[in-house]
C-alpha atoms as a PDB file:
ATOM      1  CA  MET A   1       1.382 -32.377   7.738  1.00  0.00           C
ATOM      2  CA  ASN A   2       0.567 -30.767   4.414  1.00  0.00           C
ATOM      3  CA  LEU A   3      -2.349 -28.191   5.054  1.00  0.00           C
ATOM      4  CA  SER A   4      -4.171 -26.645   2.318  1.00  0.00           C
ATOM      5  CA  PRO A   5      -3.462 -22.409   1.553  1.00  0.00           C
ATOM      6  CA  ARG A   6      -6.845 -21.552   3.384  1.00  0.00           C
ATOM      7  CA  ALA A   7      -5.213 -23.954   6.407  1.00  0.00           C
ATOM      8  CA  LEU A   8      -2.373 -22.160   6.827  1.00  0.00           C
ATOM      9  CA  ALA A   9      -4.071 -18.961   6.380  1.00  0.00           C
ATOM     10  CA  ASP A  10      -6.497 -19.956   9.010  1.00  0.00           C
ATOM     11  CA  ARG A  11      -3.500 -20.720  11.277  1.00  0.00           C
ATOM     12  CA  LEU A  12      -1.352 -17.768  10.607  1.00  0.00           C
ATOM     13  CA  ILE A  13      -4.457 -15.311  11.551  1.00  0.00           C
ATOM     14  CA  ALA A  14      -5.061 -17.394  14.436  1.00  0.00           C
ATOM     15  CA  LEU A  15      -1.578 -16.306  15.720  1.00  0.00           C
ATOM     16  CA  ALA A  16      -2.178 -12.552  15.284  1.00  0.00           C
ATOM     17  CA  PRO A  17      -3.252  -9.515  17.310  1.00  0.00           C
ATOM     18  CA  ARG A  18      -6.711  -9.293  18.048  1.00  0.00           C
ATOM     19  CA  GLU A  19      -6.958  -6.259  16.024  1.00  0.00           C
ATOM     20  CA  LEU A  20      -5.784  -8.319  12.866  1.00  0.00           C
ATOM     21  CA  ARG A  21      -7.828 -10.972  13.842  1.00  0.00           C
ATOM     22  CA  GLU A  22     -11.645 -10.501  15.101  1.00  0.00           C
ATOM     23  CA  LYS A  23     -13.937  -8.606  13.687  1.00  0.00           C
ATOM     24  CA  VAL A  24     -16.181  -5.483  14.941  1.00  0.00           C
ATOM     25  CA  PRO A  25     -19.427  -5.222  14.669  1.00  0.00           C
ATOM     26  CA  ARG A  26     -20.708  -3.754  11.162  1.00  0.00           C
ATOM     27  CA  ASP A  27     -23.292  -3.745   8.485  1.00  0.00           C
ATOM     28  CA  HIS A  28     -21.940  -2.553   5.250  1.00  0.00           C
ATOM     29  CA  LEU A  29     -24.425  -4.011   3.459  1.00  0.00           C
ATOM     30  CA  GLU A  30     -25.443  -2.498   0.283  1.00  0.00           C
ATOM     31  CA  SER A  31     -27.665  -3.181  -2.790  1.00  0.00           C
ATOM     32  CA  ASP A  32     -26.985  -5.301  -6.218  1.00  0.00           C
ATOM     33  CA  GLU A  33     -27.030  -2.406  -8.255  1.00  0.00           C
ATOM     34  CA  ALA A  34     -24.611  -0.243  -5.969  1.00  0.00           C
ATOM     35  CA  PHE A  35     -22.744  -3.224  -5.882  1.00  0.00           C
ATOM     36  CA  ARG A  36     -22.401  -3.572  -9.687  1.00  0.00           C
ATOM     37  CA  ARG A  37     -21.737   0.198 -10.102  1.00  0.00           C
ATOM     38  CA  ARG A  38     -18.492   0.187  -7.656  1.00  0.00           C
ATOM     39  CA  ARG A  39     -17.474  -2.831  -9.811  1.00  0.00           C
ATOM     40  CA  ARG A  40     -17.369  -0.798 -12.857  1.00  0.00           C
ATOM     41  CA  VAL A  41     -16.043   1.994 -11.370  1.00  0.00           C
ATOM     42  CA  VAL A  42     -13.089  -0.096  -9.467  1.00  0.00           C
ATOM     43  CA  ALA A  43     -12.515  -1.750 -12.535  1.00  0.00           C
ATOM     44  CA  GLY A  44     -11.775   1.232 -14.763  1.00  0.00           C
ATOM     45  CA  VAL A  45      -9.761   3.111 -12.117  1.00  0.00           C
ATOM     46  CA  SER A  46      -7.562   0.052 -11.402  1.00  0.00           C
ATOM     47  CA  VAL A  47      -6.044   0.206 -15.114  1.00  0.00           C
ATOM     48  CA  ALA A  48      -6.049   4.245 -15.237  1.00  0.00           C
ATOM     49  CA  GLY A  49      -4.052   4.023 -11.839  1.00  0.00           C
ATOM     50  CA  ALA A  50      -1.666   1.456 -12.618  1.00  0.00           C
ATOM     51  CA  ALA A  51      -0.878   3.114 -16.146  1.00  0.00           C
ATOM     52  CA  LEU A  52      -0.060   6.229 -14.485  1.00  0.00           C
ATOM     53  CA  LEU A  53       1.766   4.811 -11.640  1.00  0.00           C
ATOM     54  CA  GLY A  54       4.197   3.102 -14.547  1.00  0.00           C
ATOM     55  CA  LYS A  55       4.702   6.427 -16.070  1.00  0.00           C
ATOM     56  CA  SER A  56       5.408   8.533 -13.186  1.00  0.00           C
ATOM     57  CA  LEU A  57       8.379   6.065 -12.166  1.00  0.00           C
ATOM     58  CA  SER A  58       9.742   5.913 -15.559  1.00  0.00           C
ATOM     59  CA  THR A  59      10.620   9.858 -15.053  1.00  0.00           C
ATOM     60  CA  ARG A  60      13.427  11.368 -13.696  1.00  0.00           C
ATOM     61  CA  PRO A  61      13.673  12.085  -9.612  1.00  0.00           C
ATOM     62  CA  ASP A  62      12.852  15.572  -8.947  1.00  0.00           C
ATOM     63  CA  SER A  63      11.526  16.388 -12.027  1.00  0.00           C
ATOM     64  CA  LYS A  64       8.337  18.619 -12.999  1.00  0.00           C
ATOM     65  CA  GLU A  65       6.758  14.802 -14.441  1.00  0.00           C
ATOM     66  CA  PHE A  66       7.338  12.987 -11.603  1.00  0.00           C
ATOM     67  CA  TYR A  67       5.716  15.707  -9.206  1.00  0.00           C
ATOM     68  CA  GLY A  68       3.047  15.844 -11.859  1.00  0.00           C
ATOM     69  CA  LEU A  69       2.195  12.140 -12.265  1.00  0.00           C
ATOM     70  CA  THR A  70       2.404  10.940  -8.997  1.00  0.00           C
ATOM     71  CA  LEU A  71      -0.064  13.643  -7.770  1.00  0.00           C
ATOM     72  CA  GLY A  72      -2.222  12.663 -10.588  1.00  0.00           C
ATOM     73  CA  VAL A  73      -1.817   9.063  -9.329  1.00  0.00           C
ATOM     74  CA  ALA A  74      -3.328   9.681  -6.039  1.00  0.00           C
ATOM     75  CA  ALA A  75      -5.908  11.894  -7.422  1.00  0.00           C
ATOM     76  CA  THR A  76      -7.164   8.517  -9.288  1.00  0.00           C
ATOM     77  CA  TRP A  77      -7.399   6.123  -6.784  1.00  0.00           C
ATOM     78  CA  THR A  78      -9.027   9.024  -4.885  1.00  0.00           C
ATOM     79  CA  ALA A  79     -11.774  10.227  -7.168  1.00  0.00           C
ATOM     80  CA  GLY A  80     -12.677   6.630  -8.472  1.00  0.00           C
ATOM     81  CA  ALA A  81     -13.165   5.759  -4.769  1.00  0.00           C
ATOM     82  CA  VAL A  82     -14.883   8.503  -3.809  1.00  0.00           C
ATOM     83  CA  ALA A  83     -16.960   7.817  -7.658  1.00  0.00           C
ATOM     84  CA  SER A  84     -17.137   3.985  -6.360  1.00  0.00           C
ATOM     85  CA  GLY A  85     -19.931   4.676  -3.390  1.00  0.00           C
ATOM     86  CA  PRO A  86     -19.516   4.824   0.547  1.00  0.00           C
ATOM     87  CA  LEU A  87     -16.329   4.542   2.487  1.00  0.00           C
ATOM     88  CA  HIS A  88     -16.358   3.592   6.161  1.00  0.00           C
ATOM     89  CA  LEU A  89     -13.370   4.589   8.758  1.00  0.00           C
ATOM     90  CA  GLY A  90     -13.752   1.767  10.955  1.00  0.00           C
ATOM     91  CA  TYR A  91     -13.521   0.439  14.726  1.00  0.00           C
ATOM     92  CA  GLU A  92     -11.479  -1.763  17.056  1.00  0.00           C
ATOM     93  CA  GLN A  93     -12.012  -2.757  20.163  1.00  0.00           C
ATOM     94  CA  ASP A  94     -10.576  -2.139  23.286  1.00  0.00           C
ATOM     95  CA  ALA A  95      -9.913  -4.445  26.500  1.00  0.00           C
ATOM     96  CA  HIS A  96     -13.814  -4.081  27.965  1.00  0.00           C
ATOM     97  CA  ASP A  97     -15.052  -4.985  24.249  1.00  0.00           C
ATOM     98  CA  ARG A  98     -16.041  -0.961  23.450  1.00  0.00           C
ATOM     99  CA  LEU A  99     -15.756   0.209  19.728  1.00  0.00           C
ATOM    100  CA  ARG A 100     -13.433   2.778  19.323  1.00  0.00           C
ATOM    101  CA  ARG A 101     -11.492   4.354  16.121  1.00  0.00           C
ATOM    102  CA  PRO A 102      -8.572   2.669  15.777  1.00  0.00           C
ATOM    103  CA  LEU A 103      -5.412   4.959  16.157  1.00  0.00           C
ATOM    104  CA  VAL A 104      -2.615   3.814  19.019  1.00  0.00           C
ATOM    105  CA  THR A 105      -2.645   0.451  17.725  1.00  0.00           C
ATOM    106  CA  PRO A 106      -2.296   1.521  13.729  1.00  0.00           C
ATOM    107  CA  VAL A 107       0.813   3.570  14.792  1.00  0.00           C
ATOM    108  CA  ALA A 108       2.182   0.640  16.753  1.00  0.00           C
ATOM    109  CA  LEU A 109       1.989  -1.530  13.574  1.00  0.00           C
ATOM    110  CA  GLY A 110       3.298   0.824  11.059  1.00  0.00           C
ATOM    111  CA  VAL A 111       6.263   1.245  13.629  1.00  0.00           C
ATOM    112  CA  ALA A 112       6.933  -2.418  13.818  1.00  0.00           C
ATOM    113  CA  SER A 113       6.279  -3.126   9.816  1.00  0.00           C
ATOM    114  CA  PHE A 114       9.506  -0.338   9.337  1.00  0.00           C
ATOM    115  CA  GLY A 115      11.214  -2.166  11.625  1.00  0.00           C
ATOM    116  CA  ALA A 116      10.869  -5.608   9.767  1.00  0.00           C
ATOM    117  CA  PHE A 117      11.807  -3.740   6.455  1.00  0.00           C
ATOM    118  CA  TYR A 118      14.670  -2.388   7.800  1.00  0.00           C
ATOM    119  CA  GLY A 119      16.015  -5.792   8.160  1.00  0.00           C
ATOM    120  CA  ALA A 120      14.759  -7.006   5.351  1.00  0.00           C
ATOM    121  CA  ALA A 121      16.688  -4.142   3.247  1.00  0.00           C
ATOM    122  CA  LEU A 122      20.058  -5.120   4.965  1.00  0.00           C
ATOM    123  CA  VAL A 123      19.677  -8.198   3.601  1.00  0.00           C
ATOM    124  CA  ALA A 124      18.298  -7.084   0.516  1.00  0.00           C
ATOM    125  CA  ARG A 125      21.602  -5.222   0.183  1.00  0.00           C
ATOM    126  CA  ARG A 126      23.323  -8.205  -0.498  1.00  0.00           C
ATOM    127  CA  ILE A 127      20.818  -9.457  -3.132  1.00  0.00           C
ATOM    128  CA  PRO A 128      21.912  -7.720  -7.086  1.00  0.00           C
ATOM    129  CA  VAL A 129      18.335  -7.419  -8.377  1.00  0.00           C
ATOM    130  CA  LEU A 130      17.017  -6.232  -5.222  1.00  0.00           C
ATOM    131  CA  ASN A 131      20.033  -3.645  -4.201  1.00  0.00           C
ATOM    132  CA  ARG A 132      19.146  -2.414  -7.355  1.00  0.00           C
ATOM    133  CA  ALA A 133      15.541  -2.489  -7.558  1.00  0.00           C
ATOM    134  CA  LEU A 134      15.680  -0.684  -4.202  1.00  0.00           C
ATOM    135  CA  THR A 135      18.370   2.307  -5.084  1.00  0.00           C
ATOM    136  CA  GLU A 136      16.281   3.191  -8.134  1.00  0.00           C
ATOM    137  CA  ILE A 137      12.932   3.887  -6.373  1.00  0.00           C
ATOM    138  CA  LEU A 138      14.736   5.267  -3.775  1.00  0.00           C
ATOM    139  CA  ALA A 139      16.713   8.086  -5.757  1.00  0.00           C
ATOM    140  CA  PHE A 140      13.123   9.603  -5.847  1.00  0.00           C
ATOM    141  CA  ALA A 141      13.562  10.304  -2.705  1.00  0.00           C
ATOM    142  CA  ASP A 142      17.067  10.580  -2.181  1.00  0.00           C
ATOM    143  CA  GLN A 143      17.445  13.018  -5.216  1.00  0.00           C
ATOM    144  CA  GLY A 144      13.800  15.421  -4.405  1.00  0.00           C
ATOM    145  CA  SER A 145      12.598  18.047  -2.725  1.00  0.00           C
ATOM    146  CA  ALA A 146      12.105  17.174   0.500  1.00  0.00           C
ATOM    147  CA  PRO A 147       8.666  18.844   1.138  1.00  0.00           C
ATOM    148  CA  LEU A 148       7.846  17.623  -2.405  1.00  0.00           C
ATOM    149  CA  VAL A 149       8.632  14.190  -2.269  1.00  0.00           C
ATOM    150  CA  THR A 150       6.818  14.285   1.615  1.00  0.00           C
ATOM    151  CA  THR A 151       3.465  15.434   0.154  1.00  0.00           C
ATOM    152  CA  THR A 152       3.699  12.746  -2.917  1.00  0.00           C
ATOM    153  CA  THR A 153       4.440  10.360  -0.406  1.00  0.00           C
ATOM    154  CA  PHE A 154       1.927  11.028   1.697  1.00  0.00           C
ATOM    155  CA  ALA A 155      -0.707  11.914  -0.691  1.00  0.00           C
ATOM    156  CA  ASN A 156      -0.296   8.551  -2.470  1.00  0.00           C
ATOM    157  CA  GLY A 157      -0.551   6.356   0.677  1.00  0.00           C
ATOM    158  CA  ALA A 158      -3.400   7.467   1.851  1.00  0.00           C
ATOM    159  CA  ALA A 159      -5.055   7.422  -1.616  1.00  0.00           C
ATOM    160  CA  GLU A 160      -3.924   4.058  -1.930  1.00  0.00           C
ATOM    161  CA  GLU A 161      -5.802   2.922   0.979  1.00  0.00           C
ATOM    162  CA  VAL A 162      -9.004   4.570   0.272  1.00  0.00           C
ATOM    163  CA  PHE A 163      -9.360   3.129  -3.009  1.00  0.00           C
ATOM    164  CA  PHE A 164      -7.700  -0.722  -2.670  1.00  0.00           C
ATOM    165  CA  ARG A 165      -8.980  -1.404   0.918  1.00  0.00           C
ATOM    166  CA  GLY A 166     -11.675   1.559   0.360  1.00  0.00           C
ATOM    167  CA  ALA A 167     -13.641   1.007  -2.846  1.00  0.00           C
ATOM    168  CA  LEU A 168     -11.857  -2.396  -4.174  1.00  0.00           C
ATOM    169  CA  TYR A 169     -11.832  -4.017  -1.272  1.00  0.00           C
ATOM    170  CA  ALA A 170     -15.648  -3.799  -0.562  1.00  0.00           C
ATOM    171  CA  ALA A 171     -16.393  -4.336  -4.797  1.00  0.00           C
ATOM    172  CA  VAL A 172     -14.288  -7.861  -4.439  1.00  0.00           C
ATOM    173  CA  GLY A 173     -17.084  -9.145  -2.144  1.00  0.00           C
ATOM    174  CA  THR A 174     -17.214 -11.245   0.855  1.00  0.00           C
ATOM    175  CA  ASP A 175     -15.409 -14.595  -0.894  1.00  0.00           C
ATOM    176  CA  HIS A 176     -11.554 -14.326   0.123  1.00  0.00           C
ATOM    177  CA  PRO A 177     -11.240 -10.133  -0.152  1.00  0.00           C
ATOM    178  CA  VAL A 178      -8.025  -9.917   1.833  1.00  0.00           C
ATOM    179  CA  ALA A 179      -5.894 -12.296  -0.866  1.00  0.00           C
ATOM    180  CA  LYS A 180      -8.042 -10.669  -3.873  1.00  0.00           C
ATOM    181  CA  SER A 181      -7.747  -6.723  -3.050  1.00  0.00           C
ATOM    182  CA  THR A 182      -3.567  -7.897  -1.773  1.00  0.00           C
ATOM    183  CA  ALA A 183      -3.274  -9.546  -5.643  1.00  0.00           C
ATOM    184  CA  VAL A 184      -4.869  -6.487  -7.743  1.00  0.00           C
ATOM    185  CA  TYR A 185      -2.657  -3.966  -5.639  1.00  0.00           C
ATOM    186  CA  ALA A 186       0.393  -6.428  -6.430  1.00  0.00           C
ATOM    187  CA  LEU A 187      -0.814  -6.311  -9.982  1.00  0.00           C
ATOM    188  CA  ALA A 188      -1.516  -2.645 -10.008  1.00  0.00           C
ATOM    189  CA  THR A 189       2.261  -2.100  -8.609  1.00  0.00           C
ATOM    190  CA  THR A 190       3.721  -4.290 -11.275  1.00  0.00           C
ATOM    191  CA  ALA A 191       3.211  -1.338 -13.534  1.00  0.00           C
ATOM    192  CA  THR A 192       6.334   0.167 -11.851  1.00  0.00           C
ATOM    193  CA  ARG A 193       8.820  -3.248 -12.964  1.00  0.00           C
ATOM    194  CA  ASN A 194      10.369  -2.461  -9.680  1.00  0.00           C
ATOM    195  CA  PRO A 195      10.703  -6.141  -7.902  1.00  0.00           C
ATOM    196  CA  ALA A 196      11.239  -4.523  -4.626  1.00  0.00           C
ATOM    197  CA  LEU A 197       8.176  -2.499  -4.602  1.00  0.00           C
ATOM    198  CA  VAL A 198       6.060  -5.523  -5.776  1.00  0.00           C
ATOM    199  CA  LEU A 199       7.261  -7.397  -2.887  1.00  0.00           C
ATOM    200  CA  ALA A 200       6.452  -4.269  -0.556  1.00  0.00           C
ATOM    201  CA  SER A 201       2.661  -4.178  -2.089  1.00  0.00           C
ATOM    202  CA  GLY A 202       2.391  -8.066  -1.145  1.00  0.00           C
ATOM    203  CA  VAL A 203       3.520  -7.882   2.321  1.00  0.00           C
ATOM    204  CA  MET A 204       1.861  -4.871   3.384  1.00  0.00           C
ATOM    205  CA  GLY A 205      -1.250  -5.622   1.254  1.00  0.00           C
ATOM    206  CA  THR A 206      -1.858  -8.054   3.354  1.00  0.00           C
ATOM    207  CA  LEU A 207      -1.219  -6.358   6.804  1.00  0.00           C
ATOM    208  CA  PHE A 208      -3.242  -3.660   5.133  1.00  0.00           C
ATOM    209  CA  GLY A 209      -5.945  -6.202   4.157  1.00  0.00           C
ATOM    210  CA  LEU A 210      -6.182  -7.707   7.271  1.00  0.00           C
ATOM    211  CA  GLN A 211      -6.600  -4.124   9.121  1.00  0.00           C
ATOM    212  CA  ARG A 212      -9.332  -3.372   6.799  1.00  0.00           C
ATOM    213  CA  ARG A 213     -10.790  -7.090   7.746  1.00  0.00           C
ATOM    214  CA  ALA A 214     -11.030  -6.670  11.312  1.00  0.00           C
ATOM    215  CA  SER A 215     -12.013  -3.208  11.651  1.00  0.00           C
ATOM    216  CA  GLY A 216     -14.849  -2.822   8.605  1.00  0.00           C
ATOM    217  CA  GLY A 217     -12.859   0.602   7.423  1.00  0.00           C
ATOM    218  CA  ILE A 218      -9.777   2.364   6.316  1.00  0.00           C
ATOM    219  CA  GLN A 219      -8.855   4.321   8.998  1.00  0.00           C
ATOM    220  CA  ALA A 220      -6.398   1.696  10.512  1.00  0.00           C
ATOM    221  CA  PRO A 221      -4.739   0.675   7.411  1.00  0.00           C
ATOM    222  CA  MET A 222      -4.467   4.440   6.669  1.00  0.00           C
ATOM    223  CA  ILE A 223      -2.227   5.071   9.752  1.00  0.00           C
ATOM    224  CA  THR A 224      -0.054   2.047   9.349  1.00  0.00           C
ATOM    225  CA  HIS A 225       0.450   2.913   5.591  1.00  0.00           C
ATOM    226  CA  LEU A 226       1.583   6.305   6.632  1.00  0.00           C
ATOM    227  CA  THR A 227       3.546   5.656   9.167  1.00  0.00           C
ATOM    228  CA  TRP A 228       5.342   3.008   8.016  1.00  0.00           C
ATOM    229  CA  SER A 229       5.952   5.508   4.064  1.00  0.00           C
ATOM    230  CA  GLY A 230       6.938   8.348   7.059  1.00  0.00           C
ATOM    231  CA  LEU A 231       9.540   5.776   8.327  1.00  0.00           C
ATOM    232  CA  MET A 232      11.311   4.269   5.140  1.00  0.00           C
ATOM    233  CA  LEU A 233      11.070   7.743   3.855  1.00  0.00           C
ATOM    234  CA  ARG A 234      13.084   9.291   6.114  1.00  0.00           C
ATOM    235  CA  TYR A 235      15.771   6.325   7.522  1.00  0.00           C
ATOM    236  CA  MET A 236      15.770   4.017   4.104  1.00  0.00           C
ATOM    237  CA  PRO A 237      17.597   6.298   1.117  1.00  0.00           C
ATOM    238  CA  PRO A 238      20.698   6.622   3.176  1.00  0.00           C
ATOM    239  CA  LEU A 239      21.510   2.241   2.964  1.00  0.00           C
ATOM    240  CA  PHE A 240      20.719   2.673  -0.642  1.00  0.00           C
ATOM    241  CA  ARG A 241      22.755   5.613  -1.419  1.00  0.00           C
ATOM    242  CA  ARG A 242      25.223   6.003  -4.303  1.00  0.00           C
ATOM    243  CA  GLU A 243      28.782   8.213  -4.980  1.00  0.00           C
ATOM    244  CA  GLY A 244      27.693  10.310  -7.097  1.00  0.00           C
ATOM    245  CA  HIS A 245      23.943   9.727  -7.107  1.00  0.00           C
ATOM    246  CA  ASP A 246      22.713  12.678  -8.659  1.00  0.00           C
ATOM    247  CA  GLU A 247      24.044  11.024 -11.894  1.00  0.00           C
ATOM    248  CA  VAL A 248      22.108   7.572 -10.743  1.00  0.00           C
ATOM    249  CA  HIS A 249      19.427   7.075 -13.781  1.00  0.00           C
ATOM    250  CA  GLU A 250      22.441   8.174 -15.991  1.00  0.00           C
ATOM    251  CA  ASP A 251      24.248   4.514 -15.830  1.00  0.00           C
ATOM    252  CA  LEU A 252      21.062   2.698 -15.487  1.00  0.00           C
ATOM    253  CA  PRO A 253      20.222   0.543 -18.770  1.00  0.00           C
ATOM    254  CA  PRO A 254      16.947   2.290 -20.838  1.00  0.00           C
ATOM    255  CA  ARG A 255      13.363  -0.048 -19.398  1.00  0.00           C
ATOM    256  CA  PRO A 256      12.481  -2.345 -21.724  1.00  0.00           C
END
C-alpha cells in the first residue's frame, strides 16, 4: 500500500509518545505586522548564523578563533530570537490532564536519543564517509579545553532551540511547521560541509520540532537537546579518536 508523505508522517506521529503527539492548549496568536517582522528577522539571522557556523568549524580545534566564533554563533541565534518577538516555554499534560512545565520527559528523550545515536555510531565507524566526518567534528571536543568546549556546546544547544524551535518555528506559520523548521535547520547545518552533522540535524530537528509542536514552547526541546549534547560530548569522542589525534587536521585534505 502506497502512502503519501503526509499520511506516512501522520502514522508515525500516531505511534509517538503522548508528549510528542498531543498538543497542549495554547494561544500564540500575533498580529500580521508582528508575524511579518518575525519573518524578516528570522530570514536575515538564518543566513548570518549559518555563515558563522560554517566559519567556526573551518578553524582549528582549541584555537581562539574556534571558541570566539562558536560563541558568536550562539549569540547570533539568541539575539535573532529575542529580536523576532515573544518566545514561549510551553507545557505538557500529566496523566490527569493538568498542565505543567516539561522536565522529566524531555530528559528521558535526551537519554534515549543518545542511546540511539551511540548505536548508530558503532555502525557509522564502518562507513568511511561517516567515520571521517565524525572523526573530524569530534576532534573539536577531543582536543579542546573541556570547560570551554562544554560551555560552547551548551550555549549553542540552547541558542539553537531558542532560534529554530522558537523564532523560526513561529515564523514558518501553521502549515507543516515541523517539516519546514527542520528543513531550515538542516540547511543551515550544511554550511559546515559535514554530512554527519547534517544527518543529525535532520533527525534531532524532527524530534525537537515535534516537542515544540506538542508543548507549544522551547523548554521541552531545549532540555532534550542539552541532555543529548552533554552525553554525546562525554561518551562519543573516544569512539572516533585517532592515534596522534593532536595532528588530526594536519592529515586532512584542504576543504574545497
